[in-house]
C-alpha atoms as a PDB file:
ATOM      1  CA  UNK A   1     -48.622  42.056 -34.055  1.00  0.00           C
ATOM      2  CA  UNK A   2     -45.718  39.630 -34.159  1.00  0.00           C
ATOM      3  CA  UNK A   3     -42.058  40.732 -33.741  1.00  0.00           C
ATOM      4  CA  UNK A   4     -39.058  38.442 -33.984  1.00  0.00           C
ATOM      5  CA  UNK A   5     -35.798  39.359 -32.240  1.00  0.00           C
ATOM      6  CA  UNK A   6     -32.609  37.745 -33.628  1.00  0.00           C
ATOM      7  CA  UNK A   7     -29.664  38.047 -31.264  1.00  0.00           C
ATOM      8  CA  UNK A   8     -26.261  37.639 -32.926  1.00  0.00           C
ATOM      9  CA  UNK A   9     -23.980  38.022 -29.882  1.00  0.00           C
ATOM     10  CA  UNK A  10     -22.327  35.296 -27.800  1.00  0.00           C
ATOM     11  CA  UNK A  11     -24.685  35.541 -24.761  1.00  0.00           C
ATOM     12  CA  UNK A  12     -22.019  36.827 -22.361  1.00  0.00           C
ATOM     13  CA  UNK A  13     -23.197  37.914 -18.929  1.00  0.00           C
ATOM     14  CA  UNK A  14     -22.016  41.483 -19.399  1.00  0.00           C
ATOM     15  CA  UNK A  15     -23.135  41.859 -23.058  1.00  0.00           C
ATOM     16  CA  UNK A  16     -24.896  45.200 -23.245  1.00  0.00           C
ATOM     17  CA  UNK A  17     -26.924  44.053 -26.184  1.00  0.00           C
ATOM     18  CA  UNK A  18     -28.701  41.405 -24.039  1.00  0.00           C
ATOM     19  CA  UNK A  19     -29.751  44.165 -21.627  1.00  0.00           C
ATOM     20  CA  UNK A  20     -31.033  46.292 -24.446  1.00  0.00           C
ATOM     21  CA  UNK A  21     -33.174  43.615 -26.132  1.00  0.00           C
ATOM     22  CA  UNK A  22     -34.477  42.414 -22.736  1.00  0.00           C
ATOM     23  CA  UNK A  23     -35.752  46.030 -22.128  1.00  0.00           C
ATOM     24  CA  UNK A  24     -37.199  46.229 -25.633  1.00  0.00           C
ATOM     25  CA  UNK A  25     -38.916  42.872 -25.298  1.00  0.00           C
ATOM     26  CA  UNK A  26     -40.348  44.011 -21.912  1.00  0.00           C
ATOM     27  CA  UNK A  27     -41.847  47.123 -23.427  1.00  0.00           C
ATOM     28  CA  UNK A  28     -43.267  45.378 -26.486  1.00  0.00           C
ATOM     29  CA  UNK A  29     -44.856  42.706 -24.351  1.00  0.00           C
ATOM     30  CA  UNK A  30     -46.540  45.376 -22.290  1.00  0.00           C
ATOM     31  CA  UNK A  31     -47.966  46.725 -25.641  1.00  0.00           C
ATOM     32  CA  UNK A  32     -49.528  43.259 -26.255  1.00  0.00           C
ATOM     33  CA  UNK A  33     -46.957  42.450 -28.991  1.00  0.00           C
ATOM     34  CA  UNK A  34     -46.188  38.760 -29.469  1.00  0.00           C
ATOM     35  CA  UNK A  35     -42.416  38.663 -29.284  1.00  0.00           C
ATOM     36  CA  UNK A  36     -40.250  35.647 -30.356  1.00  0.00           C
ATOM     37  CA  UNK A  37     -36.576  35.662 -29.598  1.00  0.00           C
ATOM     38  CA  UNK A  38     -33.937  33.601 -31.383  1.00  0.00           C
ATOM     39  CA  UNK A  39     -30.448  33.453 -29.747  1.00  0.00           C
ATOM     40  CA  UNK A  40     -28.263  32.543 -32.720  1.00  0.00           C
ATOM     41  CA  UNK A  41     -25.372  31.330 -30.609  1.00  0.00           C
ATOM     42  CA  UNK A  42     -27.728  28.586 -29.199  1.00  0.00           C
ATOM     43  CA  UNK A  43     -28.718  27.510 -32.805  1.00  0.00           C
ATOM     44  CA  UNK A  44     -25.311  27.278 -34.576  1.00  0.00           C
ATOM     45  CA  UNK A  45     -26.342  24.249 -36.484  1.00  0.00           C
ATOM     46  CA  UNK A  46     -29.712  25.454 -37.536  1.00  0.00           C
ATOM     47  CA  UNK A  47     -29.216  29.094 -38.318  1.00  0.00           C
ATOM     48  CA  UNK A  48     -29.772  28.336 -41.985  1.00  0.00           C
ATOM     49  CA  UNK A  49     -33.342  27.228 -41.311  1.00  0.00           C
ATOM     50  CA  UNK A  50     -34.265  30.501 -39.484  1.00  0.00           C
ATOM     51  CA  UNK A  51     -34.651  32.277 -42.765  1.00  0.00           C
ATOM     52  CA  UNK A  52     -38.029  30.567 -42.871  1.00  0.00           C
ATOM     53  CA  UNK A  53     -39.176  32.273 -39.676  1.00  0.00           C
ATOM     54  CA  UNK A  54     -38.993  35.786 -40.861  1.00  0.00           C
ATOM     55  CA  UNK A  55     -42.243  35.615 -42.779  1.00  0.00           C
ATOM     56  CA  UNK A  56     -44.111  34.785 -39.615  1.00  0.00           C
ATOM     57  CA  UNK A  57     -43.478  38.264 -38.196  1.00  0.00           C
ATOM     58  CA  UNK A  58     -44.620  41.878 -39.024  1.00  0.00           C
ATOM     59  CA  UNK A  59     -41.227  43.194 -38.019  1.00  0.00           C
ATOM     60  CA  UNK A  60     -37.716  41.980 -37.069  1.00  0.00           C
ATOM     61  CA  UNK A  61     -35.103  43.297 -34.647  1.00  0.00           C
ATOM     62  CA  UNK A  62     -31.596  42.280 -35.602  1.00  0.00           C
ATOM     63  CA  UNK A  63     -29.422  42.740 -32.512  1.00  0.00           C
ATOM     64  CA  UNK A  64     -25.705  42.148 -32.434  1.00  0.00           C
ATOM     65  CA  UNK A  65     -22.608  43.208 -30.522  1.00  0.00           C
ATOM     66  CA  UNK A  66     -19.377  44.563 -32.044  1.00  0.00           C
ATOM     67  CA  UNK A  67     -16.616  42.878 -30.091  1.00  0.00           C
ATOM     68  CA  UNK A  68     -13.675  43.604 -32.310  1.00  0.00           C
ATOM     69  CA  UNK A  69     -14.783  44.188 -35.943  1.00  0.00           C
ATOM     70  CA  UNK A  70     -17.974  43.548 -37.940  1.00  0.00           C
ATOM     71  CA  UNK A  71     -21.352  42.129 -36.899  1.00  0.00           C
ATOM     72  CA  UNK A  72     -20.070  38.691 -35.965  1.00  0.00           C
ATOM     73  CA  UNK A  73     -20.371  35.340 -37.714  1.00  0.00           C
ATOM     74  CA  UNK A  74     -23.755  34.341 -36.358  1.00  0.00           C
ATOM     75  CA  UNK A  75     -25.619  37.319 -37.673  1.00  0.00           C
ATOM     76  CA  UNK A  76     -23.743  37.217 -40.997  1.00  0.00           C
ATOM     77  CA  UNK A  77     -24.701  33.550 -41.441  1.00  0.00           C
ATOM     78  CA  UNK A  78     -28.384  34.445 -40.692  1.00  0.00           C
ATOM     79  CA  UNK A  79     -28.373  37.220 -43.265  1.00  0.00           C
ATOM     80  CA  UNK A  80     -26.802  34.930 -45.842  1.00  0.00           C
ATOM     81  CA  UNK A  81     -29.556  32.403 -45.311  1.00  0.00           C
ATOM     82  CA  UNK A  82     -32.229  35.119 -45.615  1.00  0.00           C
ATOM     83  CA  UNK A  83     -30.785  36.071 -48.938  1.00  0.00           C
ATOM     84  CA  UNK A  84     -30.416  32.562 -50.152  1.00  0.00           C
ATOM     85  CA  UNK A  85     -33.559  30.873 -48.894  1.00  0.00           C
ATOM     86  CA  UNK A  86     -36.188  33.300 -47.674  1.00  0.00           C
ATOM     87  CA  UNK A  87     -39.353  34.258 -49.622  1.00  0.00           C
ATOM     88  CA  UNK A  88     -38.402  37.675 -50.965  1.00  0.00           C
ATOM     89  CA  UNK A  89     -42.025  38.562 -51.947  1.00  0.00           C
ATOM     90  CA  UNK A  90     -43.058  38.198 -48.271  1.00  0.00           C
ATOM     91  CA  UNK A  91     -39.918  39.809 -46.972  1.00  0.00           C
ATOM     92  CA  UNK A  92     -40.811  43.031 -48.890  1.00  0.00           C
ATOM     93  CA  UNK A  93     -43.487  43.927 -46.408  1.00  0.00           C
ATOM     94  CA  UNK A  94     -41.351  43.312 -43.213  1.00  0.00           C
ATOM     95  CA  UNK A  95     -39.681  46.126 -41.269  1.00  0.00           C
ATOM     96  CA  UNK A  96     -36.202  45.499 -39.838  1.00  0.00           C
ATOM     97  CA  UNK A  97     -34.832  47.488 -36.896  1.00  0.00           C
ATOM     98  CA  UNK A  98     -31.078  47.215 -36.150  1.00  0.00           C
ATOM     99  CA  UNK A  99     -29.783  47.200 -32.562  1.00  0.00           C
ATOM    100  CA  UNK A 100     -25.982  47.368 -32.380  1.00  0.00           C
ATOM    101  CA  UNK A 101     -24.023  47.812 -29.199  1.00  0.00           C
ATOM    102  CA  UNK A 102     -20.229  48.057 -29.423  1.00  0.00           C
ATOM    103  CA  UNK A 103     -17.467  47.227 -26.945  1.00  0.00           C
ATOM    104  CA  UNK A 104     -14.998  48.642 -29.495  1.00  0.00           C
ATOM    105  CA  UNK A 105     -15.197  50.877 -32.585  1.00  0.00           C
ATOM    106  CA  UNK A 106     -17.644  50.203 -35.371  1.00  0.00           C
ATOM    107  CA  UNK A 107     -21.318  50.322 -34.213  1.00  0.00           C
ATOM    108  CA  UNK A 108     -22.377  52.662 -37.009  1.00  0.00           C
ATOM    109  CA  UNK A 109     -20.656  50.663 -39.713  1.00  0.00           C
ATOM    110  CA  UNK A 110     -22.403  47.512 -38.598  1.00  0.00           C
ATOM    111  CA  UNK A 111     -25.755  49.401 -38.456  1.00  0.00           C
ATOM    112  CA  UNK A 112     -25.207  50.457 -42.024  1.00  0.00           C
ATOM    113  CA  UNK A 113     -24.290  46.895 -43.080  1.00  0.00           C
ATOM    114  CA  UNK A 114     -27.439  45.534 -41.489  1.00  0.00           C
ATOM    115  CA  UNK A 115     -29.530  48.200 -43.287  1.00  0.00           C
ATOM    116  CA  UNK A 116     -27.924  47.558 -46.647  1.00  0.00           C
ATOM    117  CA  UNK A 117     -28.278  43.849 -46.271  1.00  0.00           C
ATOM    118  CA  UNK A 118     -31.983  43.999 -45.456  1.00  0.00           C
ATOM    119  CA  UNK A 119     -32.736  46.469 -48.285  1.00  0.00           C
ATOM    120  CA  UNK A 120     -31.095  44.211 -50.887  1.00  0.00           C
ATOM    121  CA  UNK A 121     -33.048  41.284 -49.492  1.00  0.00           C
ATOM    122  CA  UNK A 122     -36.094  43.469 -50.226  1.00  0.00           C
ATOM    123  CA  UNK A 123     -37.423  44.475 -46.881  1.00  0.00           C
ATOM    124  CA  UNK A 124     -38.169  47.843 -45.195  1.00  0.00           C
ATOM    125  CA  UNK A 125     -35.697  49.604 -42.920  1.00  0.00           C
ATOM    126  CA  UNK A 126     -36.782  51.000 -39.534  1.00  0.00           C
ATOM    127  CA  UNK A 127     -35.149  53.233 -36.939  1.00  0.00           C
ATOM    128  CA  UNK A 128     -31.715  52.017 -35.623  1.00  0.00           C
ATOM    129  CA  UNK A 129     -30.419  51.933 -32.090  1.00  0.00           C
ATOM    130  CA  UNK A 130     -26.689  51.922 -31.654  1.00  0.00           C
ATOM    131  CA  UNK A 131     -24.187  52.844 -28.985  1.00  0.00           C
ATOM    132  CA  UNK A 132     -20.657  52.374 -27.683  1.00  0.00           C
ATOM    133  CA  UNK A 133     -20.728  50.920 -24.205  1.00  0.00           C
ATOM    134  CA  UNK A 134     -17.557  51.142 -22.032  1.00  0.00           C
ATOM    135  CA  UNK A 135     -19.043  50.001 -18.675  1.00  0.00           C
ATOM    136  CA  UNK A 136     -22.103  47.750 -18.911  1.00  0.00           C
ATOM    137  CA  UNK A 137     -23.054  48.329 -15.268  1.00  0.00           C
ATOM    138  CA  UNK A 138     -23.032  52.102 -15.646  1.00  0.00           C
ATOM    139  CA  UNK A 139     -25.058  51.756 -18.789  1.00  0.00           C
ATOM    140  CA  UNK A 140     -27.726  49.557 -17.212  1.00  0.00           C
ATOM    141  CA  UNK A 141     -28.330  51.739 -14.199  1.00  0.00           C
ATOM    142  CA  UNK A 142     -28.510  55.030 -16.215  1.00  0.00           C
ATOM    143  CA  UNK A 143     -32.208  56.060 -16.159  1.00  0.00           C
ATOM    144  CA  UNK A 144     -31.744  58.354 -19.175  1.00  0.00           C
ATOM    145  CA  UNK A 145     -30.394  55.521 -21.281  1.00  0.00           C
ATOM    146  CA  UNK A 146     -33.194  53.226 -20.173  1.00  0.00           C
ATOM    147  CA  UNK A 147     -35.751  55.944 -21.277  1.00  0.00           C
ATOM    148  CA  UNK A 148     -34.113  56.116 -24.710  1.00  0.00           C
ATOM    149  CA  UNK A 149     -34.376  52.333 -25.097  1.00  0.00           C
ATOM    150  CA  UNK A 150     -37.997  52.341 -23.971  1.00  0.00           C
ATOM    151  CA  UNK A 151     -38.777  55.122 -26.470  1.00  0.00           C
ATOM    152  CA  UNK A 152     -37.116  53.190 -29.193  1.00  0.00           C
ATOM    153  CA  UNK A 153     -39.222  50.147 -28.481  1.00  0.00           C
ATOM    154  CA  UNK A 154     -42.444  52.365 -28.652  1.00  0.00           C
ATOM    155  CA  UNK A 155     -41.252  53.788 -32.018  1.00  0.00           C
ATOM    156  CA  UNK A 156     -40.841  50.178 -33.329  1.00  0.00           C
ATOM    157  CA  UNK A 157     -44.374  49.477 -32.363  1.00  0.00           C
ATOM    158  CA  UNK A 158     -45.689  52.691 -33.987  1.00  0.00           C
ATOM    159  CA  UNK A 159     -43.726  52.139 -37.204  1.00  0.00           C
ATOM    160  CA  UNK A 160     -45.162  48.709 -37.763  1.00  0.00           C
ATOM    161  CA  UNK A 161     -48.750  49.411 -36.622  1.00  0.00           C
ATOM    162  CA  UNK A 162     -48.946  52.551 -38.674  1.00  0.00           C
ATOM    163  CA  UNK A 163     -47.197  50.946 -41.723  1.00  0.00           C
ATOM    164  CA  UNK A 164     -45.143  54.032 -42.155  1.00  0.00           C
ATOM    165  CA  UNK A 165     -44.103  54.547 -45.810  1.00  0.00           C
ATOM    166  CA  UNK A 166     -40.563  55.034 -46.993  1.00  0.00           C
ATOM    167  CA  UNK A 167     -38.852  56.861 -49.851  1.00  0.00           C
ATOM    168  CA  UNK A 168     -37.163  54.740 -52.480  1.00  0.00           C
ATOM    169  CA  UNK A 169     -33.402  53.847 -52.137  1.00  0.00           C
ATOM    170  CA  UNK A 170     -30.649  52.959 -54.451  1.00  0.00           C
ATOM    171  CA  UNK A 171     -30.133  49.568 -52.791  1.00  0.00           C
ATOM    172  CA  UNK A 172     -33.667  48.664 -53.554  1.00  0.00           C
ATOM    173  CA  UNK A 173     -33.343  49.709 -57.176  1.00  0.00           C
ATOM    174  CA  UNK A 174     -30.092  47.735 -57.686  1.00  0.00           C
ATOM    175  CA  UNK A 175     -31.781  44.671 -56.150  1.00  0.00           C
ATOM    176  CA  UNK A 176     -34.797  44.957 -58.374  1.00  0.00           C
ATOM    177  CA  UNK A 177     -32.943  45.513 -61.532  1.00  0.00           C
ATOM    178  CA  UNK A 178     -29.682  43.526 -61.335  1.00  0.00           C
ATOM    179  CA  UNK A 179     -29.769  40.854 -58.530  1.00  0.00           C
ATOM    180  CA  UNK A 180     -31.470  37.523 -58.868  1.00  0.00           C
ATOM    181  CA  UNK A 181     -33.635  36.261 -56.012  1.00  0.00           C
ATOM    182  CA  UNK A 182     -33.521  32.545 -56.874  1.00  0.00           C
ATOM    183  CA  UNK A 183     -30.744  29.977 -56.717  1.00  0.00           C
ATOM    184  CA  UNK A 184     -30.425  26.270 -57.239  1.00  0.00           C
ATOM    185  CA  UNK A 185     -30.180  24.416 -53.920  1.00  0.00           C
ATOM    186  CA  UNK A 186     -27.893  21.451 -53.521  1.00  0.00           C
ATOM    187  CA  UNK A 187     -29.461  18.231 -52.293  1.00  0.00           C
ATOM    188  CA  UNK A 188     -27.863  18.840 -48.922  1.00  0.00           C
ATOM    189  CA  UNK A 189     -29.425  22.288 -48.532  1.00  0.00           C
ATOM    190  CA  UNK A 190     -32.796  21.040 -49.694  1.00  0.00           C
ATOM    191  CA  UNK A 191     -32.732  18.301 -47.090  1.00  0.00           C
ATOM    192  CA  UNK A 192     -31.677  20.751 -44.298  1.00  0.00           C
ATOM    193  CA  UNK A 193     -34.509  23.170 -45.219  1.00  0.00           C
ATOM    194  CA  UNK A 194     -37.089  20.442 -45.436  1.00  0.00           C
ATOM    195  CA  UNK A 195     -36.183  19.194 -41.953  1.00  0.00           C
ATOM    196  CA  UNK A 196     -37.282  22.583 -40.590  1.00  0.00           C
ATOM    197  CA  UNK A 197     -40.881  21.810 -41.496  1.00  0.00           C
ATOM    198  CA  UNK A 198     -40.771  18.162 -40.448  1.00  0.00           C
ATOM    199  CA  UNK A 199     -43.053  16.951 -37.762  1.00  0.00           C
ATOM    200  CA  UNK A 200     -40.161  15.627 -35.736  1.00  0.00           C
ATOM    201  CA  UNK A 201     -38.566  19.003 -35.492  1.00  0.00           C
ATOM    202  CA  UNK A 202     -41.841  20.690 -34.558  1.00  0.00           C
ATOM    203  CA  UNK A 203     -42.411  18.190 -31.791  1.00  0.00           C
ATOM    204  CA  UNK A 204     -38.856  18.725 -30.601  1.00  0.00           C
ATOM    205  CA  UNK A 205     -39.362  22.465 -30.580  1.00  0.00           C
ATOM    206  CA  UNK A 206     -42.618  22.078 -28.614  1.00  0.00           C
ATOM    207  CA  UNK A 207     -40.859  19.924 -26.094  1.00  0.00           C
ATOM    208  CA  UNK A 208     -38.096  22.499 -25.610  1.00  0.00           C
ATOM    209  CA  UNK A 209     -40.756  25.228 -25.084  1.00  0.00           C
ATOM    210  CA  UNK A 210     -42.491  23.104 -22.501  1.00  0.00           C
ATOM    211  CA  UNK A 211     -39.236  22.334 -20.751  1.00  0.00           C
ATOM    212  CA  UNK A 212     -38.390  26.017 -20.715  1.00  0.00           C
ATOM    213  CA  UNK A 213     -41.815  26.951 -19.257  1.00  0.00           C
ATOM    214  CA  UNK A 214     -41.492  24.161 -16.696  1.00  0.00           C
ATOM    215  CA  UNK A 215     -38.080  25.474 -15.709  1.00  0.00           C
ATOM    216  CA  UNK A 216     -39.479  28.982 -15.208  1.00  0.00           C
ATOM    217  CA  UNK A 217     -42.425  27.709 -13.025  1.00  0.00           C
ATOM    218  CA  UNK A 218     -40.054  25.566 -11.086  1.00  0.00           C
ATOM    219  CA  UNK A 219     -37.832  28.564 -10.309  1.00  0.00           C
ATOM    220  CA  UNK A 220     -40.856  30.659  -9.302  1.00  0.00           C
ATOM    221  CA  UNK A 221     -41.980  27.805  -6.976  1.00  0.00           C
ATOM    222  CA  UNK A 222     -38.496  27.593  -5.581  1.00  0.00           C
ATOM    223  CA  UNK A 223     -38.542  31.275  -4.792  1.00  0.00           C
ATOM    224  CA  UNK A 224     -41.882  30.973  -3.064  1.00  0.00           C
ATOM    225  CA  UNK A 225     -40.683  27.967  -1.023  1.00  0.00           C
ATOM    226  CA  UNK A 226     -37.668  29.989   0.058  1.00  0.00           C
ATOM    227  CA  UNK A 227     -39.851  32.851   1.192  1.00  0.00           C
ATOM    228  CA  UNK A 228     -40.238  34.952  -2.031  1.00  0.00           C
ATOM    229  CA  UNK A 229     -38.763  38.513  -1.710  1.00  0.00           C
ATOM    230  CA  UNK A 230     -38.034  37.949   1.929  1.00  0.00           C
ATOM    231  CA  UNK A 231     -35.446  35.284   0.881  1.00  0.00           C
ATOM    232  CA  UNK A 232     -33.155  37.872  -0.662  1.00  0.00           C
ATOM    233  CA  UNK A 233     -33.326  39.992   2.525  1.00  0.00           C
ATOM    234  CA  UNK A 234     -33.210  37.336   5.234  1.00  0.00           C
ATOM    235  CA  UNK A 235     -30.337  35.374   3.736  1.00  0.00           C
ATOM    236  CA  UNK A 236     -28.092  38.398   4.452  1.00  0.00           C
ATOM    237  CA  UNK A 237     -29.540  39.316   7.933  1.00  0.00           C
ATOM    238  CA  UNK A 238     -29.325  35.621   9.074  1.00  0.00           C
ATOM    239  CA  UNK A 239     -25.621  35.216   8.002  1.00  0.00           C
ATOM    240  CA  UNK A 240     -24.280  38.661   9.078  1.00  0.00           C
ATOM    241  CA  UNK A 241     -21.011  38.639  10.961  1.00  0.00           C
ATOM    242  CA  UNK A 242     -20.151  42.265  11.989  1.00  0.00           C
ATOM    243  CA  UNK A 243     -16.624  43.567  11.479  1.00  0.00           C
ATOM    244  CA  UNK A 244     -15.736  46.239  14.095  1.00  0.00           C
ATOM    245  CA  UNK A 245     -15.493  49.707  12.559  1.00  0.00           C
ATOM    246  CA  UNK A 246     -16.528  48.614   9.036  1.00  0.00           C
ATOM    247  CA  UNK A 247     -19.024  50.845   7.208  1.00  0.00           C
ATOM    248  CA  UNK A 248     -20.069  50.429   3.637  1.00  0.00           C
ATOM    249  CA  UNK A 249     -23.019  50.081   1.222  1.00  0.00           C
ATOM    250  CA  UNK A 250     -23.635  47.515  -1.505  1.00  0.00           C
ATOM    251  CA  UNK A 251     -26.219  47.013  -4.279  1.00  0.00           C
ATOM    252  CA  UNK A 252     -26.551  43.605  -5.918  1.00  0.00           C
ATOM    253  CA  UNK A 253     -28.481  43.146  -9.074  1.00  0.00           C
ATOM    254  CA  UNK A 254     -29.896  39.702  -9.787  1.00  0.00           C
ATOM    255  CA  UNK A 255     -29.956  40.095 -13.560  1.00  0.00           C
ATOM    256  CA  UNK A 256     -32.328  37.280 -14.552  1.00  0.00           C
ATOM    257  CA  UNK A 257     -34.790  38.028 -11.681  1.00  0.00           C
ATOM    258  CA  UNK A 258     -34.853  41.794 -12.101  1.00  0.00           C
ATOM    259  CA  UNK A 259     -34.190  42.293  -8.433  1.00  0.00           C
ATOM    260  CA  UNK A 260     -32.028  44.929  -6.756  1.00  0.00           C
ATOM    261  CA  UNK A 261     -30.734  44.302  -3.267  1.00  0.00           C
ATOM    262  CA  UNK A 262     -29.436  47.253  -1.205  1.00  0.00           C
ATOM    263  CA  UNK A 263     -27.282  46.470   1.783  1.00  0.00           C
ATOM    264  CA  UNK A 264     -26.184  49.059   4.418  1.00  0.00           C
ATOM    265  CA  UNK A 265     -23.568  48.057   6.942  1.00  0.00           C
ATOM    266  CA  UNK A 266     -22.341  50.197   9.834  1.00  0.00           C
ATOM    267  CA  UNK A 267     -20.446  48.204  12.390  1.00  0.00           C
ATOM    268  CA  UNK A 268     -22.742  45.796  14.042  1.00  0.00           C
ATOM    269  CA  UNK A 269     -25.777  47.422  12.330  1.00  0.00           C
ATOM    270  CA  UNK A 270     -27.191  46.172   9.073  1.00  0.00           C
ATOM    271  CA  UNK A 271     -30.175  47.098   6.910  1.00  0.00           C
ATOM    272  CA  UNK A 272     -31.159  45.070   3.797  1.00  0.00           C
ATOM    273  CA  UNK A 273     -33.983  46.075   1.441  1.00  0.00           C
ATOM    274  CA  UNK A 274     -35.176  45.574  -2.130  1.00  0.00           C
ATOM    275  CA  UNK A 275     -34.590  48.654  -4.161  1.00  0.00           C
ATOM    276  CA  UNK A 276     -31.994  50.739  -6.017  1.00  0.00           C
ATOM    277  CA  UNK A 277     -29.004  52.536  -4.443  1.00  0.00           C
ATOM    278  CA  UNK A 278     -26.940  54.180  -7.218  1.00  0.00           C
ATOM    279  CA  UNK A 279     -24.597  55.679  -4.707  1.00  0.00           C
ATOM    280  CA  UNK A 280     -23.515  52.363  -3.250  1.00  0.00           C
ATOM    281  CA  UNK A 281     -19.817  51.789  -2.650  1.00  0.00           C
ATOM    282  CA  UNK A 282     -19.969  48.612  -4.648  1.00  0.00           C
ATOM    283  CA  UNK A 283     -22.479  47.740  -7.224  1.00  0.00           C
ATOM    284  CA  UNK A 284     -22.457  44.096  -8.441  1.00  0.00           C
ATOM    285  CA  UNK A 285     -24.453  42.081 -10.998  1.00  0.00           C
ATOM    286  CA  UNK A 286     -24.870  38.313 -10.998  1.00  0.00           C
ATOM    287  CA  UNK A 287     -27.414  35.662 -12.086  1.00  0.00           C
ATOM    288  CA  UNK A 288     -29.801  33.916  -9.698  1.00  0.00           C
ATOM    289  CA  UNK A 289     -27.795  30.711 -10.093  1.00  0.00           C
ATOM    290  CA  UNK A 290     -24.525  32.484  -9.084  1.00  0.00           C
ATOM    291  CA  UNK A 291     -26.331  34.210  -6.161  1.00  0.00           C
ATOM    292  CA  UNK A 292     -27.747  30.839  -4.921  1.00  0.00           C
ATOM    293  CA  UNK A 293     -24.312  29.247  -5.136  1.00  0.00           C
ATOM    294  CA  UNK A 294     -22.855  31.961  -3.027  1.00  0.00           C
ATOM    295  CA  UNK A 295     -25.562  32.016  -0.310  1.00  0.00           C
ATOM    296  CA  UNK A 296     -25.455  28.280  -0.037  1.00  0.00           C
ATOM    297  CA  UNK A 297     -21.779  28.265   0.600  1.00  0.00           C
ATOM    298  CA  UNK A 298     -20.767  26.643  -2.660  1.00  0.00           C
ATOM    299  CA  UNK A 299     -18.967  29.816  -3.943  1.00  0.00           C
ATOM    300  CA  UNK A 300     -17.908  33.282  -2.766  1.00  0.00           C
ATOM    301  CA  UNK A 301     -18.575  36.708  -4.056  1.00  0.00           C
ATOM    302  CA  UNK A 302     -14.831  37.314  -4.734  1.00  0.00           C
ATOM    303  CA  UNK A 303     -14.414  34.074  -6.585  1.00  0.00           C
ATOM    304  CA  UNK A 304     -17.468  34.702  -8.644  1.00  0.00           C
ATOM    305  CA  UNK A 305     -16.099  38.109  -9.607  1.00  0.00           C
ATOM    306  CA  UNK A 306     -12.637  36.689 -10.427  1.00  0.00           C
ATOM    307  CA  UNK A 307     -14.189  34.024 -12.680  1.00  0.00           C
ATOM    308  CA  UNK A 308     -16.529  36.468 -14.475  1.00  0.00           C
ATOM    309  CA  UNK A 309     -19.720  35.016 -13.061  1.00  0.00           C
ATOM    310  CA  UNK A 310     -20.221  38.380 -11.298  1.00  0.00           C
ATOM    311  CA  UNK A 311     -19.464  41.823 -12.534  1.00  0.00           C
ATOM    312  CA  UNK A 312     -18.864  44.711 -10.147  1.00  0.00           C
ATOM    313  CA  UNK A 313     -17.602  48.252  -9.865  1.00  0.00           C
ATOM    314  CA  UNK A 314     -16.274  50.011  -6.833  1.00  0.00           C
ATOM    315  CA  UNK A 315     -13.492  49.310  -4.397  1.00  0.00           C
ATOM    316  CA  UNK A 316     -12.107  45.792  -4.725  1.00  0.00           C
ATOM    317  CA  UNK A 317     -11.190  45.706  -1.046  1.00  0.00           C
ATOM    318  CA  UNK A 318     -14.797  46.652  -0.085  1.00  0.00           C
ATOM    319  CA  UNK A 319     -16.036  43.950  -2.507  1.00  0.00           C
ATOM    320  CA  UNK A 320     -13.872  41.324  -0.735  1.00  0.00           C
ATOM    321  CA  UNK A 321     -15.381  42.344   2.623  1.00  0.00           C
ATOM    322  CA  UNK A 322     -18.682  40.879   1.455  1.00  0.00           C
ATOM    323  CA  UNK A 323     -17.192  37.427   2.227  1.00  0.00           C
ATOM    324  CA  UNK A 324     -15.942  38.488   5.566  1.00  0.00           C
ATOM    325  CA  UNK A 325     -19.153  40.042   6.901  1.00  0.00           C
ATOM    326  CA  UNK A 326     -21.492  37.390   5.484  1.00  0.00           C
ATOM    327  CA  UNK A 327     -20.479  33.814   6.283  1.00  0.00           C
ATOM    328  CA  UNK A 328     -22.691  31.462   4.264  1.00  0.00           C
ATOM    329  CA  UNK A 329     -22.610  27.758   5.223  1.00  0.00           C
ATOM    330  CA  UNK A 330     -22.944  24.874   2.798  1.00  0.00           C
END
């Protein structure tokens, strides 16, 4: 089974849609599904050509974030290209599952727009997943929400594998009776679409995939050279500078490494372990790159928080104490 995920957000660190599709991709991979993900914000100049990729999949997940109104330009451009250039006869057998997370009002309206668009293109509509997210950190650490997302991914798998039938809709009827599927392409559009299938573009894509894999293996090797899991523990123990009378707990989430670091400080005593502590006084989230910059002395936790490279909830004063009780040298 092949499933394509098209992400129409901006790729922000605290975008809840990124967390949701990461979780969905994880579950589908465990079910031996071949998942291909397209981040539309990284493909601004080639979104038009992506309409050719939908026929390679048994199902699609269209995921986007409502930041102020509507589904956003990237996703709209992708849907436009699907209507203009995709093979409608093949699209008719493909299921589409909307995933819409909102930071403001409008997730249900965008879900409806995605459903209507895909029905007019001619495809099948699957179950939708939508929510309003006020605090991304709270959302990510809520076990019940995680369970809902996992069950949704399982339902996506069941719907496609069982080829669940659907009742007819008015959108499909209008499309079949009134809308034309074919258009005349301009020379520029034809040239752009033909480039998608060219050998040069294929080789370029293959090189990008190899570079991406090489980067992953390089990062894994770097982790092992630094001591593996012990690296995340010892870096705090080795650089601990006790503050008299200070007592607090922290939990740091390394988002792209799926690691949770729990820190317990009580005066001159410290305990650091890998694992979850939902009751921590401060819960922070940052990438591996930001974490490395901090522990190598090139940045501080407070500066990372102020610049948006790190998100956190809890007492700001307690957060700032991280830079007092851990003195990392460059």
